[in-house]
């Protein structure tokens, strides 16, 4: 697992990569393996204030217009991530969503790499 340190208004937080980008109003999840992929995926993306990134520890972050991450108070549980992954897979119609289970948030996010 990769980590990145971010400094934001005198606070330091560490992001556990990989992460997933959740766009508001869309069930699709975008896998982000590292900070470079975040910049590539979001560089030309028009995103809303309700889009967010979830890291492998379950912490969530809003994206600023300059693609900086701002930590939120929301921490996702493994069950919440399972629900997001199921919705993502249902949209693709490739897997039986009732069979999707994970032990950790990191496992759920890593499953999206393929």
PDB file of N, CA and C in Angstrom:
ATOM      1  N   UNK A   1       0.838  -1.159   0.000  1.00  0.00           N
ATOM      2  CA  UNK A   1       0.000   0.000   0.000  1.00  0.00           C
ATOM      3  C   UNK A   1       0.891   1.232   0.000  1.00  0.00           C
ATOM      4  N   UNK A   2       0.623   2.161  -0.887  1.00  0.00           N
ATOM      5  CA  UNK A   2       1.343   3.423  -0.955  1.00  0.00           C
ATOM      6  C   UNK A   2       0.669   4.448  -0.059  1.00  0.00           C
ATOM      7  N   UNK A   3       1.432   5.401   0.428  1.00  0.00           N
ATOM      8  CA  UNK A   3       0.848   6.487   1.206  1.00  0.00           C
ATOM      9  C   UNK A   3       1.388   7.806   0.684  1.00  0.00           C
ATOM     10  N   UNK A   4       0.584   8.849   0.815  1.00  0.00           N
ATOM     11  CA  UNK A   4       0.987  10.201   0.453  1.00  0.00           C
ATOM     12  C   UNK A   4       0.639  11.112   1.604  1.00  0.00           C
ATOM     13  N   UNK A   5       1.535  12.026   1.919  1.00  0.00           N
ATOM     14  CA  UNK A   5       1.239  13.016   2.946  1.00  0.00           C
ATOM     15  C   UNK A   5       0.695  14.263   2.291  1.00  0.00           C
ATOM     16  N   UNK A   6      -0.354  14.822   2.856  1.00  0.00           N
ATOM     17  CA  UNK A   6      -0.925  16.071   2.390  1.00  0.00           C
ATOM     18  C   UNK A   6      -0.933  17.061   3.535  1.00  0.00           C
ATOM     19  N   UNK A   7      -0.619  18.273   3.224  1.00  0.00           N
ATOM     20  CA  UNK A   7      -0.643  19.358   4.204  1.00  0.00           C
ATOM     21  C   UNK A   7      -1.754  20.308   3.802  1.00  0.00           C
ATOM     22  N   UNK A   8      -2.693  20.529   4.687  1.00  0.00           N
ATOM     23  CA  UNK A   8      -3.831  21.382   4.371  1.00  0.00           C
ATOM     24  C   UNK A   8      -4.194  22.182   5.606  1.00  0.00           C
ATOM     25  N   UNK A   9      -4.010  23.478   5.521  1.00  0.00           N
ATOM     26  CA  UNK A   9      -4.336  24.379   6.626  1.00  0.00           C
ATOM     27  C   UNK A   9      -3.824  23.872   7.967  1.00  0.00           C
ATOM     28  N   UNK A  10      -2.526  23.673   8.045  1.00  0.00           N
ATOM     29  CA  UNK A  10      -1.847  23.277   9.271  1.00  0.00           C
ATOM     30  C   UNK A  10      -2.163  21.861   9.738  1.00  0.00           C
ATOM     31  N   UNK A  11      -2.868  21.119   8.970  1.00  0.00           N
ATOM     32  CA  UNK A  11      -3.126  19.735   9.354  1.00  0.00           C
ATOM     33  C   UNK A  11      -2.447  18.813   8.345  1.00  0.00           C
ATOM     34  N   UNK A  12      -2.051  17.667   8.823  1.00  0.00           N
ATOM     35  CA  UNK A  12      -1.392  16.677   7.976  1.00  0.00           C
ATOM     36  C   UNK A  12      -2.263  15.427   7.974  1.00  0.00           C
ATOM     37  N   UNK A  13      -2.497  14.890   6.805  1.00  0.00           N
ATOM     38  CA  UNK A  13      -3.193  13.615   6.745  1.00  0.00           C
ATOM     39  C   UNK A  13      -2.505  12.736   5.712  1.00  0.00           C
ATOM     40  N   UNK A  14      -2.572  11.467   5.935  1.00  0.00           N
ATOM     41  CA  UNK A  14      -1.910  10.498   5.069  1.00  0.00           C
ATOM     42  C   UNK A  14      -2.973   9.723   4.308  1.00  0.00           C
ATOM     43  N   UNK A  15      -2.811   9.668   3.003  1.00  0.00           N
ATOM     44  CA  UNK A  15      -3.737   8.946   2.149  1.00  0.00           C
ATOM     45  C   UNK A  15      -3.161   7.572   1.858  1.00  0.00           C
ATOM     46  N   UNK A  16      -3.969   6.555   2.069  1.00  0.00           N
ATOM     47  CA  UNK A  16      -3.564   5.174   1.809  1.00  0.00           C
ATOM     48  C   UNK A  16      -4.033   4.772   0.416  1.00  0.00           C
ATOM     49  N   UNK A  17      -3.095   4.598  -0.489  1.00  0.00           N
ATOM     50  CA  UNK A  17      -3.406   4.198  -1.855  1.00  0.00           C
ATOM     51  C   UNK A  17      -3.443   2.678  -1.946  1.00  0.00           C
ATOM     52  N   UNK A  18      -4.223   2.077  -2.815  1.00  0.00           N
ATOM     53  CA  UNK A  18      -5.052   2.698  -3.834  1.00  0.00           C
ATOM     54  C   UNK A  18      -6.318   3.317  -3.253  1.00  0.00           C
ATOM     55  N   UNK A  19      -6.940   4.146  -4.079  1.00  0.00           N
ATOM     56  CA  UNK A  19      -8.177   4.837  -3.714  1.00  0.00           C
ATOM     57  C   UNK A  19      -9.213   4.596  -4.806  1.00  0.00           C
ATOM     58  N   UNK A  20     -10.396   5.092  -4.555  1.00  0.00           N
ATOM     59  CA  UNK A  20     -11.454   5.022  -5.556  1.00  0.00           C
ATOM     60  C   UNK A  20     -12.126   6.396  -5.618  1.00  0.00           C
ATOM     61  N   UNK A  21     -12.454   6.816  -6.821  1.00  0.00           N
ATOM     62  CA  UNK A  21     -13.172   8.072  -7.035  1.00  0.00           C
ATOM     63  C   UNK A  21     -14.642   7.757  -7.220  1.00  0.00           C
ATOM     64  N   UNK A  22     -15.484   8.380  -6.421  1.00  0.00           N
ATOM     65  CA  UNK A  22     -16.941   8.198  -6.512  1.00  0.00           C
ATOM     66  C   UNK A  22     -17.545   9.502  -7.007  1.00  0.00           C
ATOM     67  N   UNK A  23     -18.114   9.457  -8.196  1.00  0.00           N
ATOM     68  CA  UNK A  23     -18.740  10.634  -8.774  1.00  0.00           C
ATOM     69  C   UNK A  23     -20.194  10.713  -8.339  1.00  0.00           C
ATOM     70  N   UNK A  24     -20.631  11.881  -7.958  1.00  0.00           N
ATOM     71  CA  UNK A  24     -22.000  12.092  -7.505  1.00  0.00           C
ATOM     72  C   UNK A  24     -22.988  11.757  -8.617  1.00  0.00           C
ATOM     73  N   UNK A  25     -24.016  10.996  -8.278  1.00  0.00           N
ATOM     74  CA  UNK A  25     -25.065  10.673  -9.240  1.00  0.00           C
ATOM     75  C   UNK A  25     -24.705   9.562 -10.214  1.00  0.00           C
ATOM     76  N   UNK A  26     -23.575   8.903 -10.007  1.00  0.00           N
ATOM     77  CA  UNK A  26     -23.133   7.838 -10.901  1.00  0.00           C
ATOM     78  C   UNK A  26     -22.646   6.664 -10.049  1.00  0.00           C
ATOM     79  N   UNK A  27     -23.048   5.460 -10.425  1.00  0.00           N
ATOM     80  CA  UNK A  27     -22.624   4.277  -9.673  1.00  0.00           C
ATOM     81  C   UNK A  27     -21.223   3.810 -10.041  1.00  0.00           C
ATOM     82  N   UNK A  28     -20.669   4.348 -11.125  1.00  0.00           N
ATOM     83  CA  UNK A  28     -19.332   3.933 -11.541  1.00  0.00           C
ATOM     84  C   UNK A  28     -18.283   4.399 -10.528  1.00  0.00           C
ATOM     85  N   UNK A  29     -17.366   3.506 -10.206  1.00  0.00           N
ATOM     86  CA  UNK A  29     -16.225   3.820  -9.356  1.00  0.00           C
ATOM     87  C   UNK A  29     -14.976   3.825 -10.220  1.00  0.00           C
ATOM     88  N   UNK A  30     -14.119   4.802 -10.015  1.00  0.00           N
ATOM     89  CA  UNK A  30     -12.884   4.915 -10.783  1.00  0.00           C
ATOM     90  C   UNK A  30     -11.721   4.562  -9.868  1.00  0.00           C
ATOM     91  N   UNK A  31     -11.008   3.514 -10.221  1.00  0.00           N
ATOM     92  CA  UNK A  31      -9.866   3.044  -9.441  1.00  0.00           C
ATOM     93  C   UNK A  31      -8.689   3.991  -9.640  1.00  0.00           C
ATOM     94  N   UNK A  32      -8.052   4.364  -8.540  1.00  0.00           N
ATOM     95  CA  UNK A  32      -6.879   5.241  -8.559  1.00  0.00           C
ATOM     96  C   UNK A  32      -5.753   4.543  -7.807  1.00  0.00           C
ATOM     97  N   UNK A  33      -4.781   4.040  -8.524  1.00  0.00           N
ATOM     98  CA  UNK A  33      -3.707   3.285  -7.907  1.00  0.00           C
ATOM     99  C   UNK A  33      -2.685   4.129  -7.169  1.00  0.00           C
ATOM    100  N   UNK A  34      -2.577   5.398  -7.569  1.00  0.00           N
ATOM    101  CA  UNK A  34      -1.593   6.289  -6.948  1.00  0.00           C
ATOM    102  C   UNK A  34      -1.982   7.732  -7.231  1.00  0.00           C
ATOM    103  N   UNK A  35      -1.244   8.646  -6.645  1.00  0.00           N
ATOM    104  CA  UNK A  35      -1.547  10.072  -6.813  1.00  0.00           C
ATOM    105  C   UNK A  35      -1.440  10.502  -8.277  1.00  0.00           C
ATOM    106  N   UNK A  36      -0.517   9.927  -9.009  1.00  0.00           N
ATOM    107  CA  UNK A  36      -0.359  10.257 -10.430  1.00  0.00           C
ATOM    108  C   UNK A  36      -1.631   9.909 -11.206  1.00  0.00           C
ATOM    109  N   UNK A  37      -2.227   8.760 -10.901  1.00  0.00           N
ATOM    110  CA  UNK A  37      -3.469   8.364 -11.570  1.00  0.00           C
ATOM    111  C   UNK A  37      -4.613   9.311 -11.225  1.00  0.00           C
ATOM    112  N   UNK A  38      -4.629   9.823 -10.003  1.00  0.00           N
ATOM    113  CA  UNK A  38      -5.637  10.820  -9.622  1.00  0.00           C
ATOM    114  C   UNK A  38      -5.528  12.035 -10.525  1.00  0.00           C
ATOM    115  N   UNK A  39      -4.320  12.528 -10.722  1.00  0.00           N
ATOM    116  CA  UNK A  39      -4.103  13.710 -11.561  1.00  0.00           C
ATOM    117  C   UNK A  39      -4.486  13.429 -13.012  1.00  0.00           C
ATOM    118  N   UNK A  40      -4.168  12.224 -13.497  1.00  0.00           N
ATOM    119  CA  UNK A  40      -4.499  11.866 -14.879  1.00  0.00           C
ATOM    120  C   UNK A  40      -6.013  11.737 -15.061  1.00  0.00           C
ATOM    121  N   UNK A  41      -6.677  10.986 -14.179  1.00  0.00           N
ATOM    122  CA  UNK A  41      -8.124  10.741 -14.300  1.00  0.00           C
ATOM    123  C   UNK A  41      -8.941  12.021 -14.137  1.00  0.00           C
ATOM    124  N   UNK A  42      -8.495  12.889 -13.244  1.00  0.00           N
ATOM    125  CA  UNK A  42      -9.293  14.063 -12.903  1.00  0.00           C
ATOM    126  C   UNK A  42      -8.849  15.332 -13.621  1.00  0.00           C
ATOM    127  N   UNK A  43      -7.752  15.247 -14.373  1.00  0.00           N
ATOM    128  CA  UNK A  43      -7.207  16.430 -15.025  1.00  0.00           C
ATOM    129  C   UNK A  43      -8.187  17.145 -15.925  1.00  0.00           C
ATOM    130  N   UNK A  44      -8.963  16.402 -16.674  1.00  0.00           N
ATOM    131  CA  UNK A  44      -9.919  17.008 -17.606  1.00  0.00           C
ATOM    132  C   UNK A  44     -11.362  16.734 -17.211  1.00  0.00           C
ATOM    133  N   UNK A  45     -11.546  16.188 -16.044  1.00  0.00           N
ATOM    134  CA  UNK A  45     -12.872  15.831 -15.560  1.00  0.00           C
ATOM    135  C   UNK A  45     -13.579  17.059 -14.992  1.00  0.00           C
ATOM    136  N   UNK A  46     -14.822  17.195 -15.319  1.00  0.00           N
ATOM    137  CA  UNK A  46     -15.634  18.232 -14.695  1.00  0.00           C
ATOM    138  C   UNK A  46     -16.344  17.557 -13.539  1.00  0.00           C
ATOM    139  N   UNK A  47     -15.957  17.912 -12.333  1.00  0.00           N
ATOM    140  CA  UNK A  47     -16.528  17.235 -11.176  1.00  0.00           C
ATOM    141  C   UNK A  47     -17.312  18.222 -10.325  1.00  0.00           C
ATOM    142  N   UNK A  48     -18.175  17.656  -9.493  1.00  0.00           N
ATOM    143  CA  UNK A  48     -19.030  18.479  -8.640  1.00  0.00           C
ATOM    144  C   UNK A  48     -18.460  18.521  -7.224  1.00  0.00           C
ATOM    145  N   UNK A  49     -19.043  19.361  -6.418  1.00  0.00           N
ATOM    146  CA  UNK A  49     -18.618  19.466  -5.022  1.00  0.00           C
ATOM    147  C   UNK A  49     -18.973  18.221  -4.218  1.00  0.00           C
ATOM    148  N   UNK A  50     -19.807  17.348  -4.780  1.00  0.00           N
ATOM    149  CA  UNK A  50     -20.236  16.147  -4.076  1.00  0.00           C
ATOM    150  C   UNK A  50     -19.481  14.897  -4.513  1.00  0.00           C
ATOM    151  N   UNK A  51     -18.495  15.030  -5.385  1.00  0.00           N
ATOM    152  CA  UNK A  51     -17.634  13.909  -5.751  1.00  0.00           C
ATOM    153  C   UNK A  51     -16.601  13.744  -4.647  1.00  0.00           C
ATOM    154  N   UNK A  52     -16.156  12.515  -4.441  1.00  0.00           N
ATOM    155  CA  UNK A  52     -15.165  12.302  -3.390  1.00  0.00           C
ATOM    156  C   UNK A  52     -14.286  11.101  -3.691  1.00  0.00           C
ATOM    157  N   UNK A  53     -13.160  11.072  -3.001  1.00  0.00           N
ATOM    158  CA  UNK A  53     -12.193   9.979  -3.094  1.00  0.00           C
ATOM    159  C   UNK A  53     -12.235   9.214  -1.779  1.00  0.00           C
ATOM    160  N   UNK A  54     -12.189   7.893  -1.856  1.00  0.00           N
ATOM    161  CA  UNK A  54     -12.135   7.038  -0.665  1.00  0.00           C
ATOM    162  C   UNK A  54     -10.820   6.281  -0.716  1.00  0.00           C
ATOM    163  N   UNK A  55     -10.037   6.364   0.365  1.00  0.00           N
ATOM    164  CA  UNK A  55      -8.754   5.654   0.373  1.00  0.00           C
ATOM    165  C   UNK A  55      -8.909   4.253   0.951  1.00  0.00           C
ATOM    166  N   UNK A  56      -7.817   3.508   0.955  1.00  0.00           N
ATOM    167  CA  UNK A  56      -7.850   2.107   1.377  1.00  0.00           C
ATOM    168  C   UNK A  56      -8.117   1.908   2.861  1.00  0.00           C
ATOM    169  N   UNK A  57      -8.050   2.985   3.628  1.00  0.00           N
ATOM    170  CA  UNK A  57      -8.386   2.911   5.051  1.00  0.00           C
ATOM    171  C   UNK A  57      -9.833   3.315   5.299  1.00  0.00           C
ATOM    172  N   UNK A  58     -10.545   3.738   4.246  1.00  0.00           N
ATOM    173  CA  UNK A  58     -11.943   4.129   4.377  1.00  0.00           C
ATOM    174  C   UNK A  58     -12.161   5.625   4.554  1.00  0.00           C
ATOM    175  N   UNK A  59     -11.078   6.395   4.663  1.00  0.00           N
ATOM    176  CA  UNK A  59     -11.227   7.845   4.816  1.00  0.00           C
ATOM    177  C   UNK A  59     -11.646   8.462   3.497  1.00  0.00           C
ATOM    178  N   UNK A  60     -12.439   9.516   3.564  1.00  0.00           N
ATOM    179  CA  UNK A  60     -12.911  10.159   2.342  1.00  0.00           C
ATOM    180  C   UNK A  60     -12.390  11.588   2.251  1.00  0.00           C
ATOM    181  N   UNK A  61     -12.304  12.046   1.001  1.00  0.00           N
ATOM    182  CA  UNK A  61     -11.718  13.349   0.695  1.00  0.00           C
ATOM    183  C   UNK A  61     -12.499  14.000  -0.432  1.00  0.00           C
ATOM    184  N   UNK A  62     -12.726  15.310  -0.295  1.00  0.00           N
ATOM    185  CA  UNK A  62     -13.275  16.078  -1.403  1.00  0.00           C
ATOM    186  C   UNK A  62     -12.132  16.512  -2.294  1.00  0.00           C
ATOM    187  N   UNK A  63     -12.431  16.745  -3.561  1.00  0.00           N
ATOM    188  CA  UNK A  63     -11.449  17.249  -4.510  1.00  0.00           C
ATOM    189  C   UNK A  63     -11.619  18.753  -4.659  1.00  0.00           C
ATOM    190  N   UNK A  64     -10.526  19.480  -4.588  1.00  0.00           N
ATOM    191  CA  UNK A  64     -10.589  20.914  -4.872  1.00  0.00           C
ATOM    192  C   UNK A  64     -10.445  21.106  -6.384  1.00  0.00           C
ATOM    193  N   UNK A  65     -10.688  22.300  -6.848  1.00  0.00           N
ATOM    194  CA  UNK A  65     -10.567  22.598  -8.283  1.00  0.00           C
ATOM    195  C   UNK A  65      -9.136  22.404  -8.773  1.00  0.00           C
ATOM    196  N   UNK A  66      -8.162  22.474  -7.868  1.00  0.00           N
ATOM    197  CA  UNK A  66      -6.755  22.274  -8.224  1.00  0.00           C
ATOM    198  C   UNK A  66      -6.314  20.826  -7.996  1.00  0.00           C
ATOM    199  N   UNK A  67      -7.270  19.933  -7.796  1.00  0.00           N
ATOM    200  CA  UNK A  67      -7.051  18.496  -7.598  1.00  0.00           C
ATOM    201  C   UNK A  67      -6.321  18.167  -6.306  1.00  0.00           C
ATOM    202  N   UNK A  68      -6.436  19.027  -5.330  1.00  0.00           N
ATOM    203  CA  UNK A  68      -5.937  18.710  -3.998  1.00  0.00           C
ATOM    204  C   UNK A  68      -7.043  18.005  -3.236  1.00  0.00           C
ATOM    205  N   UNK A  69      -6.672  17.116  -2.347  1.00  0.00           N
ATOM    206  CA  UNK A  69      -7.648  16.378  -1.557  1.00  0.00           C
ATOM    207  C   UNK A  69      -7.833  17.048  -0.205  1.00  0.00           C
ATOM    208  N   UNK A  70      -9.097  17.182   0.201  1.00  0.00           N
ATOM    209  CA  UNK A  70      -9.438  17.780   1.490  1.00  0.00           C
ATOM    210  C   UNK A  70     -10.212  16.744   2.291  1.00  0.00           C
ATOM    211  N   UNK A  71      -9.666  16.344   3.414  1.00  0.00           N
ATOM    212  CA  UNK A  71     -10.250  15.282   4.226  1.00  0.00           C
ATOM    213  C   UNK A  71     -11.618  15.691   4.756  1.00  0.00           C
ATOM    214  N   UNK A  72     -12.546  14.721   4.731  1.00  0.00           N
ATOM    215  CA  UNK A  72     -13.878  14.933   5.296  1.00  0.00           C
ATOM    216  C   UNK A  72     -13.976  14.157   6.610  1.00  0.00           C
ATOM    217  N   UNK A  73     -15.092  14.308   7.283  1.00  0.00           N
ATOM    218  CA  UNK A  73     -15.326  13.569   8.521  1.00  0.00           C
ATOM    219  C   UNK A  73     -15.839  12.155   8.269  1.00  0.00           C
ATOM    220  N   UNK A  74     -16.233  11.873   7.040  1.00  0.00           N
ATOM    221  CA  UNK A  74     -16.831  10.580   6.704  1.00  0.00           C
ATOM    222  C   UNK A  74     -15.760   9.498   6.578  1.00  0.00           C
ATOM    223  N   UNK A  75     -15.958   8.403   7.296  1.00  0.00           N
ATOM    224  CA  UNK A  75     -15.113   7.217   7.176  1.00  0.00           C
ATOM    225  C   UNK A  75     -16.016   6.076   6.734  1.00  0.00           C
ATOM    226  N   UNK A  76     -15.671   5.446   5.629  1.00  0.00           N
ATOM    227  CA  UNK A  76     -16.493   4.378   5.073  1.00  0.00           C
ATOM    228  C   UNK A  76     -16.155   3.041   5.719  1.00  0.00           C
ATOM    229  N   UNK A  77     -17.188   2.290   6.020  1.00  0.00           N
ATOM    230  CA  UNK A  77     -17.012   0.934   6.551  1.00  0.00           C
ATOM    231  C   UNK A  77     -16.871  -0.032   5.380  1.00  0.00           C
ATOM    232  N   UNK A  78     -16.453  -1.237   5.678  1.00  0.00           N
ATOM    233  CA  UNK A  78     -16.338  -2.245   4.625  1.00  0.00           C
ATOM    234  C   UNK A  78     -17.712  -2.535   4.025  1.00  0.00           C
ATOM    235  N   UNK A  79     -18.772  -2.519   4.807  1.00  0.00           N
ATOM    236  CA  UNK A  79     -20.117  -2.771   4.273  1.00  0.00           C
ATOM    237  C   UNK A  79     -20.563  -1.659   3.324  1.00  0.00           C
ATOM    238  N   UNK A  80     -20.201  -0.417   3.628  1.00  0.00           N
ATOM    239  CA  UNK A  80     -20.541   0.686   2.719  1.00  0.00           C
ATOM    240  C   UNK A  80     -19.779   0.553   1.404  1.00  0.00           C
ATOM    241  N   UNK A  81     -18.525   0.113   1.486  1.00  0.00           N
ATOM    242  CA  UNK A  81     -17.738  -0.093   0.266  1.00  0.00           C
ATOM    243  C   UNK A  81     -18.291  -1.258  -0.536  1.00  0.00           C
ATOM    244  N   UNK A  82     -18.720  -2.307   0.137  1.00  0.00           N
ATOM    245  CA  UNK A  82     -19.334  -3.438  -0.568  1.00  0.00           C
ATOM    246  C   UNK A  82     -20.549  -2.956  -1.349  1.00  0.00           C
ATOM    247  N   UNK A  83     -21.379  -2.116  -0.741  1.00  0.00           N
ATOM    248  CA  UNK A  83     -22.553  -1.577  -1.440  1.00  0.00           C
ATOM    249  C   UNK A  83     -22.152  -0.768  -2.673  1.00  0.00           C
ATOM    250  N   UNK A  84     -21.110   0.048  -2.554  1.00  0.00           N
ATOM    251  CA  UNK A  84     -20.644   0.839  -3.696  1.00  0.00           C
ATOM    252  C   UNK A  84     -20.092  -0.058  -4.806  1.00  0.00           C
ATOM    253  N   UNK A  85     -19.318  -1.065  -4.432  1.00  0.00           N
ATOM    254  CA  UNK A  85     -18.761  -1.992  -5.425  1.00  0.00           C
ATOM    255  C   UNK A  85     -19.885  -2.783  -6.103  1.00  0.00           C
ATOM    256  N   UNK A  86     -20.864  -3.206  -5.341  1.00  0.00           N
ATOM    257  CA  UNK A  86     -22.000  -3.935  -5.924  1.00  0.00           C
ATOM    258  C   UNK A  86     -22.738  -3.061  -6.937  1.00  0.00           C
ATOM    259  N   UNK A  87     -22.992  -1.799  -6.585  1.00  0.00           N
ATOM    260  CA  UNK A  87     -23.676  -0.892  -7.516  1.00  0.00           C
ATOM    261  C   UNK A  87     -22.837  -0.689  -8.776  1.00  0.00           C
ATOM    262  N   UNK A  88     -21.538  -0.569  -8.610  1.00  0.00           N
ATOM    263  CA  UNK A  88     -20.626  -0.419  -9.740  1.00  0.00           C
ATOM    264  C   UNK A  88     -20.680  -1.650 -10.649  1.00  0.00           C
ATOM    265  N   UNK A  89     -20.629  -2.824 -10.062  1.00  0.00           N
ATOM    266  CA  UNK A  89     -20.649  -4.060 -10.839  1.00  0.00           C
ATOM    267  C   UNK A  89     -22.024  -4.317 -11.460  1.00  0.00           C
ATOM    268  N   UNK A  90     -23.097  -3.930 -10.763  1.00  0.00           N
ATOM    269  CA  UNK A  90     -24.441  -4.089 -11.322  1.00  0.00           C
ATOM    270  C   UNK A  90     -24.574  -3.276 -12.605  1.00  0.00           C
ATOM    271  N   UNK A  91     -23.990  -2.088 -12.586  1.00  0.00           N
ATOM    272  CA  UNK A  91     -24.040  -1.228 -13.774  1.00  0.00           C
ATOM    273  C   UNK A  91     -23.353  -1.892 -14.960  1.00  0.00           C
ATOM    274  N   UNK A  92     -22.271  -2.613 -14.697  1.00  0.00           N
ATOM    275  CA  UNK A  92     -21.533  -3.290 -15.769  1.00  0.00           C
ATOM    276  C   UNK A  92     -22.201  -4.598 -16.193  1.00  0.00           C
ATOM    277  N   UNK A  93     -23.027  -5.168 -15.307  1.00  0.00           N
ATOM    278  CA  UNK A  93     -23.756  -6.414 -15.571  1.00  0.00           C
ATOM    279  C   UNK A  93     -22.829  -7.570 -15.934  1.00  0.00           C
ATOM    280  N   UNK A  94     -21.687  -7.678 -15.207  1.00  0.00           N
ATOM    281  CA  UNK A  94     -20.738  -8.748 -15.499  1.00  0.00           C
ATOM    282  C   UNK A  94     -20.610  -9.769 -14.374  1.00  0.00           C
ATOM    283  N   UNK A  95     -21.041  -9.420 -13.167  1.00  0.00           N
ATOM    284  CA  UNK A  95     -20.878 -10.303 -12.014  1.00  0.00           C
ATOM    285  C   UNK A  95     -22.189 -10.492 -11.286  1.00  0.00           C
ATOM    286  N   UNK A  96     -22.283 -11.579 -10.551  1.00  0.00           N
ATOM    287  CA  UNK A  96     -23.410 -11.787  -9.645  1.00  0.00           C
ATOM    288  C   UNK A  96     -23.121 -10.967  -8.386  1.00  0.00           C
ATOM    289  N   UNK A  97     -23.861  -9.907  -8.184  1.00  0.00           N
ATOM    290  CA  UNK A  97     -23.523  -8.973  -7.107  1.00  0.00           C
ATOM    291  C   UNK A  97     -23.747  -9.533  -5.714  1.00  0.00           C
ATOM    292  N   UNK A  98     -24.591 -10.552  -5.575  1.00  0.00           N
ATOM    293  CA  UNK A  98     -24.813 -11.124  -4.240  1.00  0.00           C
ATOM    294  C   UNK A  98     -23.604 -11.890  -3.736  1.00  0.00           C
ATOM    295  N   UNK A  99     -22.701 -12.250  -4.647  1.00  0.00           N
ATOM    296  CA  UNK A  99     -21.505 -12.990  -4.248  1.00  0.00           C
ATOM    297  C   UNK A  99     -20.331 -12.071  -3.902  1.00  0.00           C
ATOM    298  N   UNK A 100     -20.528 -10.778  -3.969  1.00  0.00           N
ATOM    299  CA  UNK A 100     -19.448  -9.831  -3.699  1.00  0.00           C
ATOM    300  C   UNK A 100     -19.363  -9.580  -2.203  1.00  0.00           C
ATOM    301  N   UNK A 101     -18.246  -9.982  -1.617  1.00  0.00           N
ATOM    302  CA  UNK A 101     -17.984  -9.775  -0.192  1.00  0.00           C
ATOM    303  C   UNK A 101     -16.500  -9.498  -0.012  1.00  0.00           C
ATOM    304  N   UNK A 102     -16.167  -8.671   0.965  1.00  0.00           N
ATOM    305  CA  UNK A 102     -14.784  -8.346   1.270  1.00  0.00           C
ATOM    306  C   UNK A 102     -14.604  -8.275   2.771  1.00  0.00           C
ATOM    307  N   UNK A 103     -13.400  -8.508   3.211  1.00  0.00           N
ATOM    308  CA  UNK A 103     -13.087  -8.439   4.637  1.00  0.00           C
ATOM    309  C   UNK A 103     -12.685  -7.021   5.039  1.00  0.00           C
ATOM    310  N   UNK A 104     -11.975  -6.321   4.140  1.00  0.00           N
ATOM    311  CA  UNK A 104     -11.493  -4.979   4.455  1.00  0.00           C
ATOM    312  C   UNK A 104     -11.862  -3.988   3.358  1.00  0.00           C
ATOM    313  N   UNK A 105     -11.795  -2.723   3.703  1.00  0.00           N
ATOM    314  CA  UNK A 105     -12.007  -1.654   2.732  1.00  0.00           C
ATOM    315  C   UNK A 105     -10.945  -1.749   1.637  1.00  0.00           C
ATOM    316  N   UNK A 106      -9.722  -2.003   2.043  1.00  0.00           N
ATOM    317  CA  UNK A 106      -8.629  -2.126   1.086  1.00  0.00           C
ATOM    318  C   UNK A 106      -8.894  -3.234   0.067  1.00  0.00           C
ATOM    319  N   UNK A 107      -9.409  -4.369   0.508  1.00  0.00           N
ATOM    320  CA  UNK A 107      -9.746  -5.465  -0.395  1.00  0.00           C
ATOM    321  C   UNK A 107     -10.816  -5.040  -1.406  1.00  0.00           C
ATOM    322  N   UNK A 108     -11.816  -4.309  -0.932  1.00  0.00           N
ATOM    323  CA  UNK A 108     -12.890  -3.837  -1.816  1.00  0.00           C
ATOM    324  C   UNK A 108     -12.349  -2.907  -2.884  1.00  0.00           C
ATOM    325  N   UNK A 109     -11.501  -1.969  -2.496  1.00  0.00           N
ATOM    326  CA  UNK A 109     -10.934  -1.029  -3.470  1.00  0.00           C
ATOM    327  C   UNK A 109      -9.994  -1.755  -4.433  1.00  0.00           C
ATOM    328  N   UNK A 110      -9.178  -2.638  -3.923  1.00  0.00           N
ATOM    329  CA  UNK A 110      -8.230  -3.374  -4.772  1.00  0.00           C
ATOM    330  C   UNK A 110      -8.945  -4.235  -5.806  1.00  0.00           C
ATOM    331  N   UNK A 111     -10.150  -4.686  -5.503  1.00  0.00           N
ATOM    332  CA  UNK A 111     -10.899  -5.518  -6.464  1.00  0.00           C
ATOM    333  C   UNK A 111     -11.239  -4.749  -7.731  1.00  0.00           C
ATOM    334  N   UNK A 112     -11.246  -3.439  -7.662  1.00  0.00           N
ATOM    335  CA  UNK A 112     -11.608  -2.622  -8.816  1.00  0.00           C
ATOM    336  C   UNK A 112     -10.439  -2.396  -9.775  1.00  0.00           C
ATOM    337  N   UNK A 113      -9.263  -2.853  -9.421  1.00  0.00           N
ATOM    338  CA  UNK A 113      -8.089  -2.643 -10.260  1.00  0.00           C
ATOM    339  C   UNK A 113      -8.160  -3.443 -11.560  1.00  0.00           C
ATOM    340  N   UNK A 114      -9.008  -4.447 -11.618  1.00  0.00           N
ATOM    341  CA  UNK A 114      -9.033  -5.333 -12.787  1.00  0.00           C
ATOM    342  C   UNK A 114     -10.223  -5.094 -13.647  1.00  0.00           C
TER     343      UNK A 114
END
